[in-house]
Amino acid sequence: MNAEVGHNMPPGSIDLGKATMADLSAWLAENPVIENGAQAEQGKLFFDRTRSTLGDIEAERVQLVTPLNTKLSDINDQFKSHHNTDPKRPGIFDRIFSELKVRLTAFAQAEEEKRLRIAEEARQRAEEAERVAREAEQREQNIKADAAVGEIGANVGEAIAEADSAFADYGKASREAVRAERDVNVRVGGGFSGRALSMRTKETLVLTSYAKAIKAIGPNEKIEAAILSAARDYRKLKGALPDGVIAETTREI
């Protein structure tokens, strides 16, 4: 009367598998080595029973997950057809959004190139202003030296004023160059996120030499797995494995 609903359900494949594994484990404990045909035949019985049990477990798992996987696949298809985080398989919305990013990038690149030219011109003006200021400073020092030895016509005040004016121009040009360099990075404001868009440096690795890269990296499980996978594809296409890859065989039940 107090039994829960479902108490009379038949055991599942895993429950049946536990019994099979218990029997198999006991037999293996009693037969650490198969030494004769009779033992081998007993082992064959456990082999068939275990393989059938494992097949039942997999069949039940597939039966349970198939409708879930189908539903999951339907949901993914519906949403990923519009937006997919995999950049190699963009959805409809992703492709439209990508076009916007392409156009914004083109604008930012053109604006950045213009600002780079402005910054370069400002830097050159600052360098020229510094040269003029240094020359005026040297003239000031020369005139002061001439006046110190009593040379007539040495206008020290005029030289000082000229040098001060030249250094003031240099200071202004230098500040303009710094501002121009700082403003090279283009920022696109507006929108509702509160964050401005700006150009970012994106790194893309390019393989220029398979041999050099593999030699430099050395033995690596990822590289080995990739090469063996490619070798299988090569054999399907060419009918033979590529040089450097061999097939080893073993005999087992």
C-alpha atoms as a PDB file:
ATOM      1  CA  MET A   1       0.000   0.000   0.000  1.00  0.00           C
ATOM      2  CA  ASN A   2       2.916   2.331   0.684  1.00  0.00           C
ATOM      3  CA  ALA A   3       4.837   1.503  -2.511  1.00  0.00           C
ATOM      4  CA  GLU A   4       5.644   4.444  -4.756  1.00  0.00           C
ATOM      5  CA  VAL A   5       4.249   4.745  -8.269  1.00  0.00           C
ATOM      6  CA  GLY A   6       6.492   2.907 -10.719  1.00  0.00           C
ATOM      7  CA  HIS A   7       7.798   0.374  -8.207  1.00  0.00           C
ATOM      8  CA  ASN A   8       6.721  -2.477 -10.450  1.00  0.00           C
ATOM      9  CA  MET A   9       8.616  -1.237 -13.519  1.00  0.00           C
ATOM     10  CA  PRO A  10      10.955  -3.858 -15.015  1.00  0.00           C
ATOM     11  CA  PRO A  11      14.695  -3.358 -14.400  1.00  0.00           C
ATOM     12  CA  GLY A  12      16.528  -1.211 -16.906  1.00  0.00           C
ATOM     13  CA  SER A  13      19.508  -2.213 -19.004  1.00  0.00           C
ATOM     14  CA  ILE A  14      21.975  -0.800 -16.477  1.00  0.00           C
ATOM     15  CA  ASP A  15      20.418  -2.800 -13.633  1.00  0.00           C
ATOM     16  CA  LEU A  16      20.584  -5.961 -15.738  1.00  0.00           C
ATOM     17  CA  GLY A  17      24.142  -5.024 -16.686  1.00  0.00           C
ATOM     18  CA  LYS A  18      25.162  -4.894 -13.029  1.00  0.00           C
ATOM     19  CA  ALA A  19      24.111  -8.498 -12.614  1.00  0.00           C
ATOM     20  CA  THR A  20      25.991  -9.505 -15.747  1.00  0.00           C
ATOM     21  CA  MET A  21      29.137  -7.691 -14.607  1.00  0.00           C
ATOM     22  CA  ALA A  22      28.904  -9.273 -11.148  1.00  0.00           C
ATOM     23  CA  ASP A  23      28.757 -12.760 -12.690  1.00  0.00           C
ATOM     24  CA  LEU A  24      31.587 -11.937 -15.109  1.00  0.00           C
ATOM     25  CA  SER A  25      33.761 -10.491 -12.333  1.00  0.00           C
ATOM     26  CA  ALA A  26      33.257 -13.628 -10.227  1.00  0.00           C
ATOM     27  CA  TRP A  27      34.184 -15.884 -13.169  1.00  0.00           C
ATOM     28  CA  LEU A  28      37.287 -13.799 -13.955  1.00  0.00           C
ATOM     29  CA  ALA A  29      38.357 -14.078 -10.315  1.00  0.00           C
ATOM     30  CA  GLU A  30      38.049 -17.866 -10.495  1.00  0.00           C
ATOM     31  CA  ASN A  31      39.789 -18.077 -13.882  1.00  0.00           C
ATOM     32  CA  PRO A  32      42.804 -15.732 -13.874  1.00  0.00           C
ATOM     33  CA  VAL A  33      44.142 -17.550 -16.965  1.00  0.00           C
ATOM     34  CA  ILE A  34      42.216 -19.405 -19.663  1.00  0.00           C
ATOM     35  CA  GLU A  35      44.136 -22.649 -20.049  1.00  0.00           C
ATOM     36  CA  ASN A  36      41.831 -25.034 -21.936  1.00  0.00           C
ATOM     37  CA  GLY A  37      38.986 -25.266 -24.378  1.00  0.00           C
ATOM     38  CA  ALA A  38      36.320 -25.742 -21.706  1.00  0.00           C
ATOM     39  CA  GLN A  39      37.323 -22.479 -20.036  1.00  0.00           C
ATOM     40  CA  ALA A  40      37.414 -20.756 -23.405  1.00  0.00           C
ATOM     41  CA  GLU A  41      33.840 -21.920 -24.137  1.00  0.00           C
ATOM     42  CA  GLN A  42      32.694 -20.592 -20.750  1.00  0.00           C
ATOM     43  CA  GLY A  43      34.448 -17.331 -21.558  1.00  0.00           C
ATOM     44  CA  LYS A  44      32.657 -17.245 -24.914  1.00  0.00           C
ATOM     45  CA  LEU A  45      29.314 -17.472 -23.090  1.00  0.00           C
ATOM     46  CA  PHE A  46      30.229 -14.494 -20.921  1.00  0.00           C
ATOM     47  CA  PHE A  47      31.553 -12.689 -24.012  1.00  0.00           C
ATOM     48  CA  ASP A  48      28.215 -13.035 -25.832  1.00  0.00           C
ATOM     49  CA  ARG A  49      26.203 -12.181 -22.723  1.00  0.00           C
ATOM     50  CA  THR A  50      28.314  -9.102 -21.948  1.00  0.00           C
ATOM     51  CA  ARG A  51      28.323  -7.842 -25.521  1.00  0.00           C
ATOM     52  CA  SER A  52      24.538  -8.244 -25.636  1.00  0.00           C
ATOM     53  CA  THR A  53      24.225  -6.386 -22.322  1.00  0.00           C
ATOM     54  CA  LEU A  54      26.373  -3.517 -23.540  1.00  0.00           C
ATOM     55  CA  GLY A  55      24.311  -3.402 -26.716  1.00  0.00           C
ATOM     56  CA  ASP A  56      21.118  -3.191 -24.665  1.00  0.00           C
ATOM     57  CA  ILE A  57      22.558  -0.327 -22.582  1.00  0.00           C
ATOM     58  CA  GLU A  58      23.490   1.608 -25.699  1.00  0.00           C
ATOM     59  CA  ALA A  59      20.113   0.900 -27.313  1.00  0.00           C
ATOM     60  CA  GLU A  60      18.250   2.173 -24.248  1.00  0.00           C
ATOM     61  CA  ARG A  61      20.453   5.265 -24.085  1.00  0.00           C
ATOM     62  CA  VAL A  62      19.813   6.014 -27.761  1.00  0.00           C
ATOM     63  CA  GLN A  63      16.067   5.488 -27.256  1.00  0.00           C
ATOM     64  CA  LEU A  64      16.030   7.996 -24.403  1.00  0.00           C
ATOM     65  CA  VAL A  65      18.274  10.658 -25.904  1.00  0.00           C
ATOM     66  CA  THR A  66      17.036  10.554 -29.512  1.00  0.00           C
ATOM     67  CA  PRO A  67      13.931  12.699 -28.909  1.00  0.00           C
ATOM     68  CA  LEU A  68      16.009  15.051 -26.740  1.00  0.00           C
ATOM     69  CA  ASN A  69      18.721  15.316 -29.388  1.00  0.00           C
ATOM     70  CA  THR A  70      16.091  15.874 -32.053  1.00  0.00           C
ATOM     71  CA  LYS A  71      14.541  18.670 -30.004  1.00  0.00           C
ATOM     72  CA  LEU A  72      17.973  20.129 -29.284  1.00  0.00           C
ATOM     73  CA  SER A  73      18.866  19.976 -32.957  1.00  0.00           C
ATOM     74  CA  ASP A  74      15.615  21.702 -33.914  1.00  0.00           C
ATOM     75  CA  ILE A  75      16.262  24.487 -31.394  1.00  0.00           C
ATOM     76  CA  ASN A  76      19.853  24.951 -32.558  1.00  0.00           C
ATOM     77  CA  ASP A  77      18.807  24.978 -36.208  1.00  0.00           C
ATOM     78  CA  GLN A  78      16.156  27.586 -35.516  1.00  0.00           C
ATOM     79  CA  PHE A  79      18.406  29.960 -33.594  1.00  0.00           C
ATOM     80  CA  LYS A  80      21.754  29.327 -35.322  1.00  0.00           C
ATOM     81  CA  SER A  81      20.208  29.932 -38.728  1.00  0.00           C
ATOM     82  CA  HIS A  82      19.861  33.520 -37.526  1.00  0.00           C
ATOM     83  CA  HIS A  83      22.832  33.836 -35.153  1.00  0.00           C
ATOM     84  CA  ASN A  84      25.733  31.420 -34.833  1.00  0.00           C
ATOM     85  CA  THR A  85      28.744  31.987 -32.594  1.00  0.00           C
ATOM     86  CA  ASP A  86      30.816  29.893 -35.020  1.00  0.00           C
ATOM     87  CA  PRO A  87      32.330  32.530 -37.363  1.00  0.00           C
ATOM     88  CA  LYS A  88      32.725  29.903 -40.090  1.00  0.00           C
ATOM     89  CA  ARG A  89      28.956  29.293 -40.191  1.00  0.00           C
ATOM     90  CA  PRO A  90      27.315  32.686 -39.725  1.00  0.00           C
ATOM     91  CA  GLY A  91      23.541  33.041 -39.559  1.00  0.00           C
ATOM     92  CA  ILE A  92      21.376  35.486 -41.502  1.00  0.00           C
ATOM     93  CA  PHE A  93      21.593  38.190 -38.826  1.00  0.00           C
ATOM     94  CA  ASP A  94      25.353  37.633 -38.496  1.00  0.00           C
ATOM     95  CA  ARG A  95      25.920  38.264 -42.202  1.00  0.00           C
ATOM     96  CA  ILE A  96      23.906  41.476 -42.115  1.00  0.00           C
ATOM     97  CA  PHE A  97      25.714  42.615 -38.965  1.00  0.00           C
ATOM     98  CA  SER A  98      29.026  41.724 -40.599  1.00  0.00           C
ATOM     99  CA  GLU A  99      28.274  44.115 -43.450  1.00  0.00           C
ATOM    100  CA  LEU A 100      27.790  46.927 -40.926  1.00  0.00           C
ATOM    101  CA  LYS A 101      31.114  46.085 -39.287  1.00  0.00           C
ATOM    102  CA  VAL A 102      32.831  46.055 -42.685  1.00  0.00           C
ATOM    103  CA  ARG A 103      31.552  49.546 -43.464  1.00  0.00           C
ATOM    104  CA  LEU A 104      32.401  50.914 -40.022  1.00  0.00           C
ATOM    105  CA  THR A 105      35.880  49.395 -40.334  1.00  0.00           C
ATOM    106  CA  ALA A 106      36.366  50.995 -43.757  1.00  0.00           C
ATOM    107  CA  PHE A 107      35.396  54.377 -42.319  1.00  0.00           C
ATOM    108  CA  ALA A 108      37.676  53.950 -39.290  1.00  0.00           C
ATOM    109  CA  GLN A 109      40.611  52.838 -41.444  1.00  0.00           C
ATOM    110  CA  ALA A 110      40.241  55.828 -43.772  1.00  0.00           C
ATOM    111  CA  GLU A 111      39.898  58.192 -40.802  1.00  0.00           C
ATOM    112  CA  GLU A 112      42.880  56.616 -39.083  1.00  0.00           C
ATOM    113  CA  GLU A 113      45.038  57.009 -42.205  1.00  0.00           C
ATOM    114  CA  LYS A 114      44.043  60.675 -42.406  1.00  0.00           C
ATOM    115  CA  ARG A 115      44.895  61.219 -38.757  1.00  0.00           C
ATOM    116  CA  LEU A 116      48.209  59.429 -39.185  1.00  0.00           C
ATOM    117  CA  ARG A 117      49.107  61.875 -41.961  1.00  0.00           C
ATOM    118  CA  ILE A 118      48.084  64.790 -39.730  1.00  0.00           C
ATOM    119  CA  ALA A 119      50.167  63.379 -36.866  1.00  0.00           C
ATOM    120  CA  GLU A 120      53.185  62.915 -39.127  1.00  0.00           C
ATOM    121  CA  GLU A 121      52.914  66.477 -40.422  1.00  0.00           C
ATOM    122  CA  ALA A 122      52.609  67.754 -36.835  1.00  0.00           C
ATOM    123  CA  ARG A 123      55.684  65.746 -35.826  1.00  0.00           C
ATOM    124  CA  GLN A 124      57.678  67.213 -38.717  1.00  0.00           C
ATOM    125  CA  ARG A 125      56.583  70.743 -37.765  1.00  0.00           C
ATOM    126  CA  ALA A 126      57.643  70.091 -34.182  1.00  0.00           C
ATOM    127  CA  GLU A 127      61.043  68.838 -35.340  1.00  0.00           C
ATOM    128  CA  GLU A 128      61.498  71.907 -37.539  1.00  0.00           C
ATOM    129  CA  ALA A 129      60.422  74.224 -34.711  1.00  0.00           C
ATOM    130  CA  GLU A 130      62.943  72.549 -32.419  1.00  0.00           C
ATOM    131  CA  ARG A 131      65.706  73.037 -34.987  1.00  0.00           C
ATOM    132  CA  VAL A 132      64.856  76.745 -35.303  1.00  0.00           C
ATOM    133  CA  ALA A 133      64.735  77.107 -31.509  1.00  0.00           C
ATOM    134  CA  ARG A 134      68.099  75.393 -31.054  1.00  0.00           C
ATOM    135  CA  GLU A 135      69.665  77.658 -33.690  1.00  0.00           C
ATOM    136  CA  ALA A 136      68.177  80.737 -32.000  1.00  0.00           C
ATOM    137  CA  GLU A 137      69.503  79.511 -28.669  1.00  0.00           C
ATOM    138  CA  GLN A 138      72.966  79.068 -30.169  1.00  0.00           C
ATOM    139  CA  ARG A 139      72.859  82.591 -31.656  1.00  0.00           C
ATOM    140  CA  GLU A 140      71.853  83.931 -28.256  1.00  0.00           C
ATOM    141  CA  GLN A 141      74.836  82.218 -26.665  1.00  0.00           C
ATOM    142  CA  ASN A 142      77.170  83.521 -29.399  1.00  0.00           C
ATOM    143  CA  ILE A 143      75.922  87.101 -29.031  1.00  0.00           C
ATOM    144  CA  LYS A 144      76.275  86.926 -25.258  1.00  0.00           C
ATOM    145  CA  ALA A 145      79.843  85.707 -25.722  1.00  0.00           C
ATOM    146  CA  ASP A 146      80.603  88.568 -28.177  1.00  0.00           C
ATOM    147  CA  ALA A 147      79.102  91.140 -25.822  1.00  0.00           C
ATOM    148  CA  ALA A 148      81.185  89.785 -22.958  1.00  0.00           C
ATOM    149  CA  VAL A 149      84.381  90.663 -24.834  1.00  0.00           C
ATOM    150  CA  GLY A 150      83.070  94.120 -25.757  1.00  0.00           C
ATOM    151  CA  GLU A 151      82.096  93.572 -29.375  1.00  0.00           C
ATOM    152  CA  ILE A 152      80.074  96.521 -30.632  1.00  0.00           C
ATOM    153  CA  GLY A 153      76.640  95.840 -32.197  1.00  0.00           C
ATOM    154  CA  ALA A 154      75.908  92.690 -30.215  1.00  0.00           C
ATOM    155  CA  ASN A 155      72.188  93.047 -29.403  1.00  0.00           C
ATOM    156  CA  VAL A 156      71.773  90.601 -26.536  1.00  0.00           C
ATOM    157  CA  GLY A 157      68.177  91.599 -25.781  1.00  0.00           C
ATOM    158  CA  GLU A 158      67.060  90.961 -29.329  1.00  0.00           C
ATOM    159  CA  ALA A 159      68.789  87.564 -29.384  1.00  0.00           C
ATOM    160  CA  ILE A 160      67.140  86.564 -26.107  1.00  0.00           C
ATOM    161  CA  ALA A 161      63.712  87.626 -27.354  1.00  0.00           C
ATOM    162  CA  GLU A 162      64.224  85.732 -30.618  1.00  0.00           C
ATOM    163  CA  ALA A 163      65.256  82.563 -28.763  1.00  0.00           C
ATOM    164  CA  ASP A 164      62.343  82.827 -26.333  1.00  0.00           C
ATOM    165  CA  SER A 165      59.921  83.271 -29.224  1.00  0.00           C
ATOM    166  CA  ALA A 166      61.422  80.300 -31.083  1.00  0.00           C
ATOM    167  CA  PHE A 167      61.152  78.046 -28.007  1.00  0.00           C
ATOM    168  CA  ALA A 168      57.555  79.172 -27.473  1.00  0.00           C
ATOM    169  CA  ASP A 169      56.765  78.147 -31.051  1.00  0.00           C
ATOM    170  CA  TYR A 170      58.562  74.859 -30.461  1.00  0.00           C
ATOM    171  CA  GLY A 171      56.547  74.186 -27.317  1.00  0.00           C
ATOM    172  CA  LYS A 172      53.287  74.872 -29.133  1.00  0.00           C
ATOM    173  CA  ALA A 173      54.245  72.667 -32.094  1.00  0.00           C
ATOM    174  CA  SER A 174      55.332  69.880 -29.725  1.00  0.00           C
ATOM    175  CA  ARG A 175      52.004  69.936 -27.868  1.00  0.00           C
ATOM    176  CA  GLU A 176      50.116  69.859 -31.164  1.00  0.00           C
ATOM    177  CA  ALA A 177      52.175  66.839 -32.257  1.00  0.00           C
ATOM    178  CA  VAL A 178      51.370  65.007 -29.015  1.00  0.00           C
ATOM    179  CA  ARG A 179      47.644  65.722 -29.414  1.00  0.00           C
ATOM    180  CA  ALA A 180      47.687  64.593 -33.039  1.00  0.00           C
ATOM    181  CA  GLU A 181      49.436  61.334 -32.088  1.00  0.00           C
ATOM    182  CA  ARG A 182      46.950  60.731 -29.278  1.00  0.00           C
ATOM    183  CA  ASP A 183      43.986  61.341 -31.603  1.00  0.00           C
ATOM    184  CA  VAL A 184      45.128  58.794 -34.208  1.00  0.00           C
ATOM    185  CA  ASN A 185      42.958  56.079 -32.642  1.00  0.00           C
ATOM    186  CA  VAL A 186      39.461  56.532 -34.087  1.00  0.00           C
ATOM    187  CA  ARG A 187      36.556  56.244 -31.660  1.00  0.00           C
ATOM    188  CA  VAL A 188      32.965  56.086 -32.887  1.00  0.00           C
ATOM    189  CA  GLY A 189      30.547  57.256 -30.197  1.00  0.00           C
ATOM    190  CA  GLY A 190      26.774  57.349 -30.014  1.00  0.00           C
ATOM    191  CA  GLY A 191      24.414  54.431 -29.589  1.00  0.00           C
ATOM    192  CA  PHE A 192      22.885  53.335 -26.297  1.00  0.00           C
ATOM    193  CA  SER A 193      25.609  51.022 -24.900  1.00  0.00           C
ATOM    194  CA  GLY A 194      27.676  53.868 -23.528  1.00  0.00           C
ATOM    195  CA  ARG A 195      30.836  52.345 -25.062  1.00  0.00           C
ATOM    196  CA  ALA A 196      32.575  53.836 -28.066  1.00  0.00           C
ATOM    197  CA  LEU A 197      33.773  51.681 -30.963  1.00  0.00           C
ATOM    198  CA  SER A 198      37.476  51.710 -31.746  1.00  0.00           C
ATOM    199  CA  MET A 199      39.874  49.845 -34.005  1.00  0.00           C
ATOM    200  CA  ARG A 200      41.454  46.733 -32.497  1.00  0.00           C
ATOM    201  CA  THR A 201      44.489  44.805 -33.630  1.00  0.00           C
ATOM    202  CA  LYS A 202      43.485  41.269 -34.629  1.00  0.00           C
ATOM    203  CA  GLU A 203      46.127  38.564 -34.777  1.00  0.00           C
ATOM    204  CA  THR A 204      45.890  35.831 -37.399  1.00  0.00           C
ATOM    205  CA  LEU A 205      48.447  33.032 -37.442  1.00  0.00           C
ATOM    206  CA  VAL A 206      49.642  32.067 -40.928  1.00  0.00           C
ATOM    207  CA  LEU A 207      51.466  28.781 -41.531  1.00  0.00           C
ATOM    208  CA  THR A 208      54.355  29.454 -43.926  1.00  0.00           C
ATOM    209  CA  SER A 209      56.203  26.139 -43.589  1.00  0.00           C
ATOM    210  CA  TYR A 210      54.793  22.859 -42.297  1.00  0.00           C
ATOM    211  CA  ALA A 211      58.230  21.313 -41.934  1.00  0.00           C
ATOM    212  CA  LYS A 212      59.810  24.217 -40.030  1.00  0.00           C
ATOM    213  CA  ALA A 213      56.839  24.580 -37.692  1.00  0.00           C
ATOM    214  CA  ILE A 214      56.675  20.877 -36.852  1.00  0.00           C
ATOM    215  CA  LYS A 215      60.448  20.745 -36.328  1.00  0.00           C
ATOM    216  CA  ALA A 216      60.352  23.763 -34.010  1.00  0.00           C
ATOM    217  CA  ILE A 217      57.361  22.554 -31.972  1.00  0.00           C
ATOM    218  CA  GLY A 218      58.663  19.015 -31.687  1.00  0.00           C
ATOM    219  CA  PRO A 219      56.671  15.878 -30.741  1.00  0.00           C
ATOM    220  CA  ASN A 220      53.138  16.883 -29.916  1.00  0.00           C
ATOM    221  CA  GLU A 221      49.969  14.843 -29.398  1.00  0.00           C
ATOM    222  CA  LYS A 222      47.783  17.389 -31.187  1.00  0.00           C
ATOM    223  CA  ILE A 223      50.055  17.451 -34.230  1.00  0.00           C
ATOM    224  CA  GLU A 224      50.264  13.654 -34.279  1.00  0.00           C
ATOM    225  CA  ALA A 225      46.481  13.304 -34.126  1.00  0.00           C
ATOM    226  CA  ALA A 226      46.011  15.871 -36.901  1.00  0.00           C
ATOM    227  CA  ILE A 227      48.589  14.176 -39.143  1.00  0.00           C
ATOM    228  CA  LEU A 228      47.066  10.719 -38.624  1.00  0.00           C
ATOM    229  CA  SER A 229      43.585  12.068 -39.353  1.00  0.00           C
ATOM    230  CA  ALA A 230      44.881  13.686 -42.543  1.00  0.00           C
ATOM    231  CA  ALA A 231      46.695  10.440 -43.422  1.00  0.00           C
ATOM    232  CA  ARG A 232      43.415   8.498 -43.254  1.00  0.00           C
ATOM    233  CA  ASP A 233      41.806  11.006 -45.607  1.00  0.00           C
ATOM    234  CA  TYR A 234      44.847  10.716 -47.886  1.00  0.00           C
ATOM    235  CA  ARG A 235      44.521   6.918 -47.973  1.00  0.00           C
ATOM    236  CA  LYS A 236      40.835   7.165 -48.916  1.00  0.00           C
ATOM    237  CA  LEU A 237      41.785   9.457 -51.782  1.00  0.00           C
ATOM    238  CA  LYS A 238      45.044   7.835 -52.944  1.00  0.00           C
ATOM    239  CA  GLY A 239      44.613   4.251 -51.794  1.00  0.00           C
ATOM    240  CA  ALA A 240      47.804   4.284 -49.736  1.00  0.00           C
ATOM    241  CA  LEU A 241      49.214   6.025 -46.680  1.00  0.00           C
ATOM    242  CA  PRO A 242      51.567   8.963 -47.221  1.00  0.00           C
ATOM    243  CA  ASP A 243      55.299   8.691 -46.623  1.00  0.00           C
ATOM    244  CA  GLY A 244      56.108   8.925 -42.941  1.00  0.00           C
ATOM    245  CA  VAL A 245      52.967   7.083 -41.810  1.00  0.00           C
ATOM    246  CA  ILE A 246      52.674   3.297 -41.496  1.00  0.00           C
ATOM    247  CA  ALA A 247      49.875   1.010 -40.371  1.00  0.00           C
ATOM    248  CA  GLU A 248      50.491  -1.509 -37.606  1.00  0.00           C
ATOM    249  CA  THR A 249      48.122  -4.434 -37.073  1.00  0.00           C
ATOM    250  CA  THR A 250      47.351  -6.602 -34.081  1.00  0.00           C
ATOM    251  CA  ARG A 251      45.235  -9.737 -33.702  1.00  0.00           C
ATOM    252  CA  GLU A 252      42.669  -9.780 -30.914  1.00  0.00           C
ATOM    253  CA  ILE A 253      39.147 -10.934 -30.103  1.00  0.00           C
END
